[in-house]
Amino acid sequence: MNEYEVKVYEEVEEWKRRIIKRSGMMNRLSKKAQVKINEWIPEKVHEMMTESIKAMVKATLFGSQITANRVQANGVTLAEKDELVRKKISVYQKTAIVEGAGTGAGGILLGLADFPLLLTIKIKFLFDAAAIYGFDPKRYEERLFILHVFQLAFSSDEIRKKTLMEIEHWDQRKSDLVEMDWRKFQQEYRDYIDLAKLFQLVPGIGAFVGAYANNNLLKTLGDTAMNCYRLRLLQKAPEL
């Protein structure tokens, strides 16, 4: 193994420590408030939102599958893959910034349109990242892995730890993971982004908030995706 892979392995171990570290007090208080709000929402509304987001995500997965780049891993070093993914993150961040500023500037109606648009951008990025690291996103198990990466990036402490464990042992666990827990998936995602995106609906400041929030959300997703795929490629500590 080369020096770069040793360096990456250490970076992944540090990233894992950050993932399982307890969130700050403000985030924990925010999560508690959101859990309480969710308890007040009628069950029929939860079911409707779950089915809506499930359909939205599956449609996005199907669309991304059609336009996905072919697997690009052959003859490419890990350092080159990482650099390609960093460039992809930058491109998708710029796309998300423009989208967030545009929908944010439009106030409430366009702000609501931001949700499916941003979701599409995120899923398309994950398909590109999978292909660069040598995994075929047209395979069902890889699309399921993409959803786990997504969930890891945008979830609370408890779900984040559980999802990281499933990703760490993906080859052993994937056969048991036939389907996502869509109720948990949509609640965790909405709770995560609600606070960040709330002021995007306010005319006047919505454009700035939308651009800033979208940029940070893509940065978080990019960092998570890179380290999840690195984790799969470097299952054990490399030796010089």
Protein backbone atom coordinates (compact mmCIF):
# COMPACT_ATOMS: atom_id res chain seq x y z
CA MET A 1 0.00 0.00 0.00
CA ASN A 2 1.23 3.49 -0.74
CA GLU A 3 1.59 6.48 1.54
CA TYR A 4 -1.57 8.11 0.19
CA GLU A 5 -3.71 5.12 1.18
CA VAL A 6 -2.21 5.16 4.68
CA LYS A 7 -3.07 8.85 4.93
CA VAL A 8 -6.62 8.23 3.69
CA TYR A 9 -7.13 5.36 6.14
CA GLU A 10 -6.20 7.68 9.00
CA GLU A 11 -8.55 10.38 7.66
CA VAL A 12 -11.40 7.85 7.49
CA GLU A 13 -10.77 6.73 11.08
CA GLU A 14 -10.89 10.38 12.21
CA TRP A 15 -14.07 10.92 10.21
CA LYS A 16 -15.67 7.91 11.92
CA ARG A 17 -14.83 9.37 15.32
CA ARG A 18 -16.52 12.63 14.32
CA ILE A 19 -19.59 10.75 13.08
CA ILE A 20 -20.19 8.97 16.39
CA LYS A 21 -19.39 12.04 18.48
CA ARG A 22 -22.42 13.48 20.25
CA SER A 23 -23.98 16.54 18.63
CA GLY A 24 -23.84 19.95 20.28
CA MET A 25 -26.53 21.10 22.70
CA MET A 26 -28.32 23.30 20.15
CA ASN A 27 -28.64 20.43 17.69
CA ARG A 28 -29.94 18.11 20.41
CA LEU A 29 -32.50 20.67 21.58
CA SER A 30 -33.57 21.27 17.99
CA LYS A 31 -34.01 17.53 17.44
CA LYS A 32 -36.10 17.20 20.61
CA ALA A 33 -38.34 20.04 19.45
CA GLN A 34 -38.76 18.45 16.03
CA VAL A 35 -39.59 15.07 17.59
CA LYS A 36 -42.28 16.76 19.68
CA ILE A 37 -43.69 18.50 16.59
CA ASN A 38 -43.75 15.16 14.75
CA GLU A 39 -45.78 13.67 17.61
CA TRP A 40 -48.43 16.35 17.05
CA ILE A 41 -48.72 15.64 13.33
CA PRO A 42 -51.58 13.23 12.53
CA GLU A 43 -50.59 9.72 11.45
CA LYS A 44 -52.30 10.16 8.08
CA VAL A 45 -50.08 13.16 7.36
CA HIS A 46 -46.95 11.15 8.27
CA GLU A 47 -48.07 8.36 5.94
CA MET A 48 -48.72 10.84 3.12
CA MET A 49 -45.30 12.51 3.54
CA THR A 50 -43.55 9.14 3.72
CA GLU A 51 -45.19 7.92 0.51
CA SER A 52 -44.55 11.25 -1.23
CA ILE A 53 -40.84 11.30 -0.38
CA LYS A 54 -40.48 7.58 -1.12
CA ALA A 55 -41.98 8.15 -4.60
CA MET A 56 -39.85 11.27 -5.12
CA VAL A 57 -36.61 9.52 -4.13
CA LYS A 58 -37.36 6.42 -6.22
CA ALA A 59 -38.18 8.57 -9.26
CA THR A 60 -34.90 10.46 -8.75
CA LEU A 61 -32.98 7.19 -8.39
CA PHE A 62 -34.50 5.90 -11.62
CA GLY A 63 -33.70 9.11 -13.50
CA SER A 64 -30.15 9.18 -12.18
CA GLN A 65 -29.74 5.53 -13.14
CA ILE A 66 -30.54 6.33 -16.76
CA THR A 67 -28.08 9.24 -16.94
CA ALA A 68 -25.38 7.76 -14.69
CA ASN A 69 -21.81 7.68 -15.94
CA ARG A 70 -20.22 4.30 -16.41
CA VAL A 71 -17.97 2.90 -13.69
CA GLN A 72 -14.67 4.76 -13.92
CA ALA A 73 -12.40 2.81 -11.54
CA ASN A 74 -10.30 0.79 -13.99
CA GLY A 75 -6.68 1.90 -13.90
CA VAL A 76 -7.42 4.87 -11.60
CA THR A 77 -5.61 5.27 -8.28
CA LEU A 78 -7.41 6.19 -5.07
CA ALA A 79 -5.75 9.61 -5.14
CA GLU A 80 -7.10 10.21 -8.65
CA LYS A 81 -10.58 9.04 -7.65
CA ASP A 82 -10.58 11.39 -4.66
CA GLU A 83 -9.54 14.30 -6.86
CA LEU A 84 -12.28 13.52 -9.39
CA VAL A 85 -14.88 13.40 -6.61
CA ARG A 86 -13.65 16.70 -5.14
CA LYS A 87 -14.17 18.30 -8.55
CA LYS A 88 -17.67 16.80 -8.70
CA ILE A 89 -18.46 18.18 -5.24
CA SER A 90 -17.39 21.65 -6.38
CA VAL A 91 -19.56 21.43 -9.51
CA TYR A 92 -22.62 20.23 -7.59
CA GLN A 93 -22.10 22.84 -4.87
CA LYS A 94 -22.22 25.57 -7.51
CA THR A 95 -25.38 24.04 -9.00
CA ALA A 96 -27.00 23.85 -5.56
CA ILE A 97 -26.02 27.46 -4.77
CA VAL A 98 -27.67 28.73 -7.94
CA GLU A 99 -30.75 26.60 -7.29
CA GLY A 100 -31.00 27.70 -3.64
CA ALA A 101 -30.56 31.38 -4.48
CA GLY A 102 -33.13 31.19 -7.26
CA THR A 103 -35.82 29.41 -5.28
CA GLY A 104 -35.02 31.40 -2.14
CA ALA A 105 -35.44 34.70 -3.93
CA GLY A 106 -38.94 33.63 -4.98
CA GLY A 107 -40.31 33.44 -1.45
CA ILE A 108 -42.62 30.71 -0.18
CA LEU A 109 -43.86 29.15 -3.42
CA LEU A 110 -40.48 28.74 -5.09
CA GLY A 111 -38.93 27.92 -1.70
CA LEU A 112 -41.18 24.86 -1.51
CA ALA A 113 -39.98 23.82 -4.97
CA ASP A 114 -36.43 23.75 -3.59
CA PHE A 115 -37.01 20.43 -1.80
CA PRO A 116 -37.36 18.13 -4.85
CA LEU A 117 -34.80 20.09 -6.87
CA LEU A 118 -32.13 19.86 -4.19
CA LEU A 119 -32.94 16.19 -3.61
CA THR A 120 -32.32 15.50 -7.30
CA ILE A 121 -28.97 17.30 -7.20
CA LYS A 122 -27.86 15.28 -4.17
CA ILE A 123 -28.85 11.90 -5.58
CA LYS A 124 -27.23 12.67 -8.95
CA PHE A 125 -23.98 13.56 -7.16
CA LEU A 126 -24.06 10.26 -5.25
CA PHE A 127 -24.50 8.30 -8.49
CA ASP A 128 -21.46 10.06 -9.97
CA ALA A 129 -19.41 9.43 -6.82
CA ALA A 130 -20.31 5.73 -6.84
CA ALA A 131 -19.20 5.37 -10.47
CA ILE A 132 -15.90 7.17 -9.84
CA TYR A 133 -15.06 4.86 -6.92
CA GLY A 134 -15.83 1.79 -9.03
CA PHE A 135 -19.32 0.81 -7.87
CA ASP A 136 -22.16 0.36 -10.34
CA PRO A 137 -25.15 2.50 -9.24
CA LYS A 138 -27.40 0.60 -11.65
CA ARG A 139 -27.26 -2.39 -9.29
CA TYR A 140 -29.99 -2.45 -6.65
CA GLU A 141 -27.60 -3.03 -3.74
CA GLU A 142 -25.54 0.00 -4.78
CA ARG A 143 -28.63 2.21 -4.98
CA LEU A 144 -29.51 0.98 -1.49
CA PHE A 145 -25.99 1.88 -0.38
CA ILE A 146 -26.44 5.37 -1.86
CA LEU A 147 -29.57 5.83 0.28
CA HIS A 148 -27.60 4.79 3.36
CA VAL A 149 -24.88 7.34 2.53
CA PHE A 150 -27.63 9.95 2.16
CA GLN A 151 -29.14 8.96 5.50
CA LEU A 152 -25.76 9.04 7.22
CA ALA A 153 -25.17 12.59 6.01
CA PHE A 154 -28.54 13.91 7.16
CA SER A 155 -29.63 12.27 10.39
CA SER A 156 -29.55 12.52 14.18
CA ASP A 157 -26.97 10.95 16.51
CA GLU A 158 -28.77 7.63 17.05
CA ILE A 159 -29.58 6.96 13.41
CA ARG A 160 -26.14 8.17 12.31
CA LYS A 161 -24.38 5.61 14.53
CA LYS A 162 -26.63 2.79 13.35
CA THR A 163 -26.20 3.73 9.69
CA LEU A 164 -22.41 3.96 10.03
CA MET A 165 -22.35 0.44 11.48
CA GLU A 166 -24.36 -0.87 8.51
CA ILE A 167 -22.01 0.87 6.07
CA GLU A 168 -18.92 -0.47 7.87
CA HIS A 169 -20.24 -4.03 7.51
CA TRP A 170 -21.99 -3.56 4.19
CA ASP A 171 -20.94 -6.84 2.58
CA GLN A 172 -22.37 -8.77 5.55
CA ARG A 173 -25.45 -6.61 6.10
CA LYS A 174 -26.63 -5.75 2.58
CA SER A 175 -28.48 -9.05 2.07
CA ASP A 176 -30.62 -8.28 5.14
CA LEU A 177 -31.41 -4.73 4.02
CA VAL A 178 -34.08 -5.43 1.43
CA GLU A 179 -35.73 -2.00 1.69
CA MET A 180 -35.21 1.36 3.39
CA ASP A 181 -37.20 2.37 6.45
CA TRP A 182 -38.87 5.16 4.49
CA ARG A 183 -40.69 6.63 7.49
CA LYS A 184 -37.40 7.06 9.36
CA PHE A 185 -35.64 8.21 6.18
CA GLN A 186 -38.05 11.07 5.49
CA GLN A 187 -38.35 12.20 9.11
CA GLU A 188 -34.60 12.31 9.67
CA TYR A 189 -34.00 14.19 6.43
CA ARG A 190 -36.76 16.73 7.03
CA ASP A 191 -35.69 17.30 10.62
CA TYR A 192 -32.08 17.80 9.55
CA ILE A 193 -32.76 20.37 6.85
CA ASP A 194 -35.81 22.15 8.34
CA LEU A 195 -33.80 24.48 10.57
CA ALA A 196 -31.16 25.18 7.94
CA LYS A 197 -33.75 25.98 5.28
CA LEU A 198 -36.45 27.69 7.36
CA PHE A 199 -35.50 31.29 6.53
CA GLN A 200 -35.18 30.48 2.84
CA LEU A 201 -38.95 31.02 2.66
CA VAL A 202 -38.61 34.67 3.77
CA PRO A 203 -38.55 37.15 0.85
CA GLY A 204 -35.52 39.43 0.94
CA ILE A 205 -33.14 37.07 2.73
CA GLY A 206 -34.31 33.82 1.14
CA ALA A 207 -31.80 33.94 -1.72
CA PHE A 208 -28.81 34.31 0.60
CA VAL A 209 -30.06 31.67 3.05
CA GLY A 210 -30.89 29.25 0.22
CA ALA A 211 -27.49 29.59 -1.41
CA TYR A 212 -25.61 29.29 1.91
CA ALA A 213 -27.63 26.33 3.17
CA ASN A 214 -27.43 24.41 -0.11
CA ASN A 215 -23.68 24.93 -0.32
CA ASN A 216 -23.20 23.51 3.19
CA LEU A 217 -25.59 20.60 2.60
CA LEU A 218 -23.66 19.55 -0.54
CA LYS A 219 -20.37 19.93 1.33
CA THR A 220 -21.66 17.63 4.09
CA LEU A 221 -22.93 15.08 1.57
CA GLY A 222 -19.68 15.21 -0.41
CA ASP A 223 -17.53 14.61 2.66
CA THR A 224 -19.79 11.75 3.76
CA ALA A 225 -19.80 10.08 0.35
CA MET A 226 -16.03 10.30 -0.08
CA ASN A 227 -15.38 8.68 3.28
CA CYS A 228 -18.05 5.99 2.88
CA TYR A 229 -16.56 4.81 -0.40
CA ARG A 230 -13.00 5.11 0.95
CA LEU A 231 -14.15 2.96 3.86
CA ARG A 232 -15.35 0.26 1.48
CA LEU A 233 -12.11 0.34 -0.50
CA LEU A 234 -9.81 0.30 2.56
CA GLN A 235 -11.39 -2.32 4.82
CA LYS A 236 -8.23 -2.76 6.87
CA ALA A 237 -5.23 -0.65 7.71
CA PRO A 238 -2.84 -0.46 4.73
CA GLU A 239 0.83 -1.25 5.22
CA LEU A 240 3.73 0.65 3.70
